[in-house]
C-alpha atoms as a PDB file:
ATOM      1  CA  MET A   1     100.613 111.369 132.056  1.00  0.00           C
ATOM      2  CA  LEU A   2     100.350 107.950 131.101  1.00  0.00           C
ATOM      3  CA  ARG A   3      98.777 105.684 134.141  1.00  0.00           C
ATOM      4  CA  ASP A   4     100.143 102.411 135.131  1.00  0.00           C
ATOM      5  CA  PRO A   5      96.787 100.433 136.693  1.00  0.00           C
ATOM      6  CA  VAL A   6      95.108  97.906 134.397  1.00  0.00           C
ATOM      7  CA  ARG A   7      91.434  99.300 134.265  1.00  0.00           C
ATOM      8  CA  GLY A   8      88.792  97.010 135.142  1.00  0.00           C
ATOM      9  CA  ALA A   9      88.760  93.763 137.387  1.00  0.00           C
ATOM     10  CA  HIS A  10      91.155  90.782 136.167  1.00  0.00           C
ATOM     11  CA  ARG A  11      89.176  87.901 134.689  1.00  0.00           C
ATOM     12  CA  THR A  12      90.430  84.675 134.609  1.00  0.00           C
ATOM     13  CA  LEU A  13      89.886  82.510 131.538  1.00  0.00           C
ATOM     14  CA  THR A  14      91.931  79.353 132.424  1.00  0.00           C
ATOM     15  CA  PRO A  15      94.459  78.205 134.724  1.00  0.00           C
ATOM     16  CA  GLU A  16      97.793  79.980 134.097  1.00  0.00           C
ATOM     17  CA  VAL A  17     101.407  78.159 133.511  1.00  0.00           C
ATOM     18  CA  GLU A  18     104.629  80.008 133.789  1.00  0.00           C
ATOM     19  CA  GLU A  19     106.937  79.259 130.851  1.00  0.00           C
ATOM     20  CA  ARG A  20     110.586  80.164 130.856  1.00  0.00           C
ATOM     21  CA  ILE A  21     112.239  81.518 127.805  1.00  0.00           C
ATOM     22  CA  ARG A  22     115.817  82.148 127.392  1.00  0.00           C
ATOM     23  CA  LEU A  23     116.624  85.016 125.631  1.00  0.00           C
ATOM     24  CA  ASP A  24     120.166  86.170 124.844  1.00  0.00           C
ATOM     25  CA  GLY A  25     121.328  84.670 127.949  1.00  0.00           C
ATOM     26  CA  ARG A  26     119.047  85.696 130.342  1.00  0.00           C
ATOM     27  CA  GLU A  27     116.147  83.601 131.368  1.00  0.00           C
ATOM     28  CA  LEU A  28     112.728  85.247 131.397  1.00  0.00           C
ATOM     29  CA  ARG A  29     109.462  83.802 132.996  1.00  0.00           C
ATOM     30  CA  LEU A  30     106.166  84.128 131.257  1.00  0.00           C
ATOM     31  CA  LEU A  31     102.511  83.855 132.651  1.00  0.00           C
ATOM     32  CA  ARG A  32     100.186  82.282 129.966  1.00  0.00           C
ATOM     33  CA  PRO A  33      96.965  80.473 130.024  1.00  0.00           C
ATOM     34  CA  ARG A  34      97.506  76.872 130.116  1.00  0.00           C
ATOM     35  CA  SER A  35      95.741  75.944 127.211  1.00  0.00           C
ATOM     36  CA  ALA A  36      95.627  78.691 124.827  1.00  0.00           C
ATOM     37  CA  GLU A  37      94.301  76.286 121.861  1.00  0.00           C
ATOM     38  CA  ALA A  38      91.125  75.952 124.126  1.00  0.00           C
ATOM     39  CA  LEU A  39      90.745  79.709 124.148  1.00  0.00           C
ATOM     40  CA  LEU A  40      91.229  80.080 120.555  1.00  0.00           C
ATOM     41  CA  ASP A  41      88.643  77.409 119.359  1.00  0.00           C
ATOM     42  CA  THR A  42      85.798  79.342 121.207  1.00  0.00           C
ATOM     43  CA  ASP A  43      82.919  80.824 119.066  1.00  0.00           C
ATOM     44  CA  ALA A  44      83.443  84.239 120.740  1.00  0.00           C
ATOM     45  CA  ASP A  45      83.446  87.226 118.398  1.00  0.00           C
ATOM     46  CA  ASP A  46      86.384  88.530 119.952  1.00  0.00           C
ATOM     47  CA  ALA A  47      88.833  85.490 119.654  1.00  0.00           C
ATOM     48  CA  PRO A  48      91.821  85.951 122.320  1.00  0.00           C
ATOM     49  CA  TYR A  49      94.882  85.734 119.895  1.00  0.00           C
ATOM     50  CA  TRP A  50      96.785  87.242 123.099  1.00  0.00           C
ATOM     51  CA  ALA A  51      96.663  83.932 124.355  1.00  0.00           C
ATOM     52  CA  GLU A  52      99.068  82.427 122.279  1.00  0.00           C
ATOM     53  CA  LEU A  53     103.059  83.288 122.001  1.00  0.00           C
ATOM     54  CA  TRP A  54     102.778  83.853 118.341  1.00  0.00           C
ATOM     55  CA  PRO A  55     106.281  83.025 116.304  1.00  0.00           C
ATOM     56  CA  SER A  56     106.382  86.712 115.452  1.00  0.00           C
ATOM     57  CA  ALA A  57     106.539  87.860 119.247  1.00  0.00           C
ATOM     58  CA  ARG A  58     108.905  85.136 120.026  1.00  0.00           C
ATOM     59  CA  ALA A  59     111.112  86.256 116.938  1.00  0.00           C
ATOM     60  CA  LEU A  60     110.735  90.017 117.999  1.00  0.00           C
ATOM     61  CA  ALA A  61     111.489  89.381 121.719  1.00  0.00           C
ATOM     62  CA  ALA A  62     114.705  87.539 120.677  1.00  0.00           C
ATOM     63  CA  TYR A  63     116.169  90.429 118.402  1.00  0.00           C
ATOM     64  CA  VAL A  64     115.256  93.024 121.324  1.00  0.00           C
ATOM     65  CA  SER A  65     116.894  91.181 123.337  1.00  0.00           C
ATOM     66  CA  THR A  66     120.362  91.800 121.998  1.00  0.00           C
ATOM     67  CA  LEU A  67     119.596  95.576 121.745  1.00  0.00           C
ATOM     68  CA  ASP A  68     120.973  98.185 124.309  1.00  0.00           C
ATOM     69  CA  LEU A  69     117.734 100.084 125.287  1.00  0.00           C
ATOM     70  CA  ARG A  70     119.299 101.917 128.327  1.00  0.00           C
ATOM     71  CA  GLY A  71     117.419 104.952 128.943  1.00  0.00           C
ATOM     72  CA  SER A  72     114.898 104.481 125.721  1.00  0.00           C
ATOM     73  CA  ARG A  73     111.140 104.946 125.753  1.00  0.00           C
ATOM     74  CA  VAL A  74     109.605 101.957 124.329  1.00  0.00           C
ATOM     75  CA  LEU A  75     106.228 101.462 123.472  1.00  0.00           C
ATOM     76  CA  ASP A  76     104.647  97.990 122.287  1.00  0.00           C
ATOM     77  CA  LEU A  77     101.615  97.711 120.686  1.00  0.00           C
ATOM     78  CA  GLY A  78      99.154  94.720 120.719  1.00  0.00           C
ATOM     79  CA  ALA A  79     101.484  93.654 123.372  1.00  0.00           C
ATOM     80  CA  GLY A  80      99.771  89.970 123.879  1.00  0.00           C
ATOM     81  CA  LEU A  81     101.627  87.973 126.333  1.00  0.00           C
ATOM     82  CA  GLY A  82     104.198  90.520 126.850  1.00  0.00           C
ATOM     83  CA  LEU A  83     107.224  88.646 126.064  1.00  0.00           C
ATOM     84  CA  THR A  84     108.857  91.372 123.795  1.00  0.00           C
ATOM     85  CA  SER A  85     107.660  93.934 126.410  1.00  0.00           C
ATOM     86  CA  LEU A  86     109.905  92.028 129.088  1.00  0.00           C
ATOM     87  CA  ALA A  87     112.474  91.675 126.515  1.00  0.00           C
ATOM     88  CA  ALA A  88     112.957  95.370 125.925  1.00  0.00           C
ATOM     89  CA  ALA A  89     112.489  96.243 129.776  1.00  0.00           C
ATOM     90  CA  ALA A  90     115.624  93.424 130.441  1.00  0.00           C
ATOM     91  CA  ALA A  91     117.614  95.285 127.833  1.00  0.00           C
ATOM     92  CA  GLY A  92     117.238  98.502 129.889  1.00  0.00           C
ATOM     93  CA  ALA A  93     114.113 100.196 128.712  1.00  0.00           C
ATOM     94  CA  ASP A  94     111.026 102.436 130.121  1.00  0.00           C
ATOM     95  CA  VAL A  95     108.499 100.287 128.301  1.00  0.00           C
ATOM     96  CA  LEU A  96     104.691 100.897 128.008  1.00  0.00           C
ATOM     97  CA  ALA A  97     102.869  97.611 126.975  1.00  0.00           C
ATOM     98  CA  VAL A  98      99.464  97.981 125.126  1.00  0.00           C
ATOM     99  CA  ASP A  99      96.695  95.557 124.529  1.00  0.00           C
ATOM    100  CA  HIS A 100      92.985  95.677 124.425  1.00  0.00           C
ATOM    101  CA  ALA A 101      92.408  92.621 126.445  1.00  0.00           C
ATOM    102  CA  ARG A 102      92.144  93.054 130.191  1.00  0.00           C
ATOM    103  CA  GLU A 103      93.443  89.651 130.967  1.00  0.00           C
ATOM    104  CA  ALA A 104      96.670  90.207 128.608  1.00  0.00           C
ATOM    105  CA  VAL A 105      97.198  93.270 130.497  1.00  0.00           C
ATOM    106  CA  ALA A 106      96.938  92.063 133.760  1.00  0.00           C
ATOM    107  CA  LEU A 107      98.822  88.995 132.831  1.00  0.00           C
ATOM    108  CA  ILE A 108     101.791  91.389 131.709  1.00  0.00           C
ATOM    109  CA  ALA A 109     101.988  93.180 134.761  1.00  0.00           C
ATOM    110  CA  ARG A 110     102.175  90.046 136.885  1.00  0.00           C
ATOM    111  CA  SER A 111     104.637  88.336 134.434  1.00  0.00           C
ATOM    112  CA  ALA A 112     107.036  91.793 134.764  1.00  0.00           C
ATOM    113  CA  LYS A 113     106.703  91.555 138.475  1.00  0.00           C
ATOM    114  CA  HIS A 114     107.807  88.146 138.585  1.00  0.00           C
ATOM    115  CA  ASN A 115     110.788  89.073 136.771  1.00  0.00           C
ATOM    116  CA  ARG A 116     111.668  92.300 138.502  1.00  0.00           C
ATOM    117  CA  LEU A 117     111.034  94.201 135.812  1.00  0.00           C
ATOM    118  CA  ARG A 118     108.936  97.329 135.293  1.00  0.00           C
ATOM    119  CA  VAL A 119     106.516  97.588 132.803  1.00  0.00           C
ATOM    120  CA  ARG A 120     103.593  99.988 132.437  1.00  0.00           C
ATOM    121  CA  THR A 121     100.473  98.759 131.064  1.00  0.00           C
ATOM    122  CA  MET A 122      97.696 100.333 129.171  1.00  0.00           C
ATOM    123  CA  CYS A 123      93.984  98.737 128.201  1.00  0.00           C
ATOM    124  CA  ALA A 124      93.301 100.309 125.220  1.00  0.00           C
ATOM    125  CA  ASP A 125      92.053  99.186 121.488  1.00  0.00           C
ATOM    126  CA  LEU A 126      94.282 100.250 119.154  1.00  0.00           C
ATOM    127  CA  LYS A 127      91.479 101.240 116.398  1.00  0.00           C
ATOM    128  CA  ALA A 128      90.064 103.554 118.993  1.00  0.00           C
ATOM    129  CA  PRO A 129      92.797 104.482 120.914  1.00  0.00           C
ATOM    130  CA  PRO A 130      92.505 106.870 123.937  1.00  0.00           C
ATOM    131  CA  ALA A 131      93.654 110.495 124.134  1.00  0.00           C
ATOM    132  CA  GLU A 132      96.313 109.815 126.961  1.00  0.00           C
ATOM    133  CA  LEU A 133      98.119 107.273 124.123  1.00  0.00           C
ATOM    134  CA  LEU A 134      97.749 109.932 121.252  1.00  0.00           C
ATOM    135  CA  GLU A 135      99.103 112.745 123.245  1.00  0.00           C
ATOM    136  CA  ALA A 136     101.789 110.686 124.795  1.00  0.00           C
ATOM    137  CA  ASP A 137     105.403 112.161 123.482  1.00  0.00           C
ATOM    138  CA  PRO A 138     106.823 110.020 120.748  1.00  0.00           C
ATOM    139  CA  PHE A 139     108.437 107.017 121.595  1.00  0.00           C
ATOM    140  CA  ASP A 140     112.431 106.426 121.014  1.00  0.00           C
ATOM    141  CA  LEU A 141     111.334 102.810 119.667  1.00  0.00           C
ATOM    142  CA  VAL A 142     107.724 101.275 118.801  1.00  0.00           C
ATOM    143  CA  LEU A 143     107.513  97.363 118.522  1.00  0.00           C
ATOM    144  CA  ALA A 144     104.488  95.779 116.981  1.00  0.00           C
ATOM    145  CA  SER A 145     104.416  91.796 116.361  1.00  0.00           C
ATOM    146  CA  ASP A 146     101.463  90.105 114.233  1.00  0.00           C
ATOM    147  CA  VAL A 147      99.219  92.917 114.530  1.00  0.00           C
ATOM    148  CA  LEU A 148      98.691  93.541 110.798  1.00  0.00           C
ATOM    149  CA  TYR A 149      96.142  90.307 110.114  1.00  0.00           C
ATOM    150  CA  GLU A 150      93.245  92.424 109.397  1.00  0.00           C
ATOM    151  CA  ALA A 151      93.016  95.417 107.424  1.00  0.00           C
ATOM    152  CA  SER A 152      91.447  97.662 109.797  1.00  0.00           C
ATOM    153  CA  LEU A 153      93.719  96.954 112.528  1.00  0.00           C
ATOM    154  CA  ALA A 154      97.020  97.492 110.055  1.00  0.00           C
ATOM    155  CA  ALA A 155      95.135 100.894 109.035  1.00  0.00           C
ATOM    156  CA  ALA A 156      94.881 101.760 112.765  1.00  0.00           C
ATOM    157  CA  VAL A 157      98.767 100.454 113.697  1.00  0.00           C
ATOM    158  CA  ASP A 158      99.905 102.554 110.673  1.00  0.00           C
ATOM    159  CA  ALA A 159      98.307 105.669 111.875  1.00  0.00           C
ATOM    160  CA  LEU A 160      99.637 105.068 115.499  1.00  0.00           C
ATOM    161  CA  LEU A 161     103.174 104.486 114.227  1.00  0.00           C
ATOM    162  CA  ARG A 162     103.093 107.648 112.318  1.00  0.00           C
ATOM    163  CA  ARG A 163     101.943 109.356 114.991  1.00  0.00           C
ATOM    164  CA  LEU A 164     103.912 107.653 117.995  1.00  0.00           C
ATOM    165  CA  VAL A 165     107.320 106.721 117.014  1.00  0.00           C
ATOM    166  CA  GLY A 166     109.883 109.319 117.562  1.00  0.00           C
ATOM    167  CA  GLY A 167     113.024 107.192 116.315  1.00  0.00           C
ATOM    168  CA  HIS A 168     112.120 103.868 114.726  1.00  0.00           C
ATOM    169  CA  ALA A 169     109.759 101.097 114.759  1.00  0.00           C
ATOM    170  CA  LEU A 170     110.099  97.699 114.296  1.00  0.00           C
ATOM    171  CA  VAL A 171     107.131  95.419 113.070  1.00  0.00           C
ATOM    172  CA  THR A 172     107.343  91.212 112.489  1.00  0.00           C
ATOM    173  CA  TYR A 173     104.718  89.647 110.882  1.00  0.00           C
ATOM    174  CA  PRO A 174     104.089  86.056 109.474  1.00  0.00           C
ATOM    175  CA  TRP A 175     102.933  86.420 105.855  1.00  0.00           C
ATOM    176  CA  ALA A 176     104.217  88.122 102.667  1.00  0.00           C
ATOM    177  CA  ARG A 177     102.721  91.167 101.895  1.00  0.00           C
ATOM    178  CA  GLN A 178     100.962  92.266 105.099  1.00  0.00           C
ATOM    179  CA  ALA A 179     102.774  95.160 105.685  1.00  0.00           C
ATOM    180  CA  ASP A 180     102.964  96.608 102.171  1.00  0.00           C
ATOM    181  CA  GLY A 181     100.579  99.271 103.031  1.00  0.00           C
ATOM    182  CA  VAL A 182     102.680 100.278 106.339  1.00  0.00           C
ATOM    183  CA  ALA A 183     105.780 100.338 104.162  1.00  0.00           C
ATOM    184  CA  ALA A 184     104.182 102.104 101.573  1.00  0.00           C
ATOM    185  CA  THR A 185     103.189 104.967 104.007  1.00  0.00           C
ATOM    186  CA  GLY A 186     106.591 105.140 105.503  1.00  0.00           C
ATOM    187  CA  THR A 187     108.081 105.591 102.435  1.00  0.00           C
ATOM    188  CA  ALA A 188     105.589 108.333 101.061  1.00  0.00           C
ATOM    189  CA  ASP A 189     106.577 110.299 104.289  1.00  0.00           C
ATOM    190  CA  GLY A 190     109.902 109.950 103.608  1.00  0.00           C
ATOM    191  CA  TRP A 191     111.053 107.328 106.400  1.00  0.00           C
ATOM    192  CA  VAL A 192     113.841 104.792 105.857  1.00  0.00           C
ATOM    193  CA  VAL A 193     112.102 101.840 105.420  1.00  0.00           C
ATOM    194  CA  GLU A 194     114.063  98.409 105.842  1.00  0.00           C
ATOM    195  CA  HIS A 195     112.896  94.714 104.989  1.00  0.00           C
ATOM    196  CA  GLY A 196     114.347  91.806 106.761  1.00  0.00           C
ATOM    197  CA  GLU A 197     113.823  88.383 108.046  1.00  0.00           C
ATOM    198  CA  LEU A 198     114.140  86.548 111.267  1.00  0.00           C
ATOM    199  CA  THR A 199     113.997  82.963 112.546  1.00  0.00           C
ATOM    200  CA  CYS A 200     112.522  81.645 115.737  1.00  0.00           C
ATOM    201  CA  THR A 201     111.746  78.128 117.394  1.00  0.00           C
ATOM    202  CA  HIS A 202     108.006  77.585 117.751  1.00  0.00           C
ATOM    203  CA  HIS A 203     106.430  74.208 119.060  1.00  0.00           C
ATOM    204  CA  GLY A 204     109.818  72.421 118.330  1.00  0.00           C
ATOM    205  CA  ARG A 205     109.941  73.548 114.545  1.00  0.00           C
ATOM    206  CA  GLU A 206     111.711  76.702 112.938  1.00  0.00           C
ATOM    207  CA  HIS A 207     109.756  79.461 111.831  1.00  0.00           C
ATOM    208  CA  ARG A 208     110.800  82.280 109.701  1.00  0.00           C
ATOM    209  CA  VAL A 209     109.393  85.780 110.202  1.00  0.00           C
ATOM    210  CA  ARG A 210     109.086  88.937 108.390  1.00  0.00           C
ATOM    211  CA  LEU A 211     110.536  92.245 109.682  1.00  0.00           C
ATOM    212  CA  LEU A 212     109.835  95.514 108.903  1.00  0.00           C
ATOM    213  CA  ARG A 213     112.249  98.483 110.065  1.00  0.00           C
ATOM    214  CA  LEU A 214     110.528 102.135 110.152  1.00  0.00           C
ATOM    215  CA  ASP A 215     113.031 104.989 110.533  1.00  0.00           C
ATOM    216  CA  ARG A 216     111.552 108.437 111.096  1.00  0.00           C
ATOM    217  CA  PRO A 217     113.679 111.251 108.943  1.00  0.00           C
ATOM    218  CA  ALA A 218     115.707 113.613 111.056  1.00  0.00           C
ATOM    219  CA  PRO A 219     113.736 117.045 110.932  1.00  0.00           C
END
């Protein structure tokens, strides 16, 4: 059975701020580091990309907020700051948010509490997922934003999608061809594969984000 608590102590890297984001008529309160840029500029081997709210996440969260997810089980892979997870929970879903960073998972849990939403969390490396994730029942909807930027990570996400998608998946990414491998695998397995485009405003500029939808074929 999937567990709710964050494993390990929460380590604060930088003071936090609350960002208010309006999605489909609802305001969500998102906790994030005050200076994501300062964290991303560090020389650490494992750069905290989770600390920035990227356009791919903003766009996917906005799209998810328009869906009726009441009664749906939703998995958010590489959840980062958790905006997409919050949007899915606000739309009525039972959400599990997964990220490798303990700090990210802790902030997601606190943001959910601020918004009076229930989001279960799991700290897990997508490249080496724990048995409790791999053995979970397939989810109605699997979400992933900006997790295809590295070949090994894209391959890991591809494998998780094929294992954990019970209905369909929505994957957003910024650059052309990043999802080619995932799309090709889906096509080869007989999935319905659709490509689209979303837009969002990020730091005062409009960004175009690519969307890949994968539908598992009926048994």
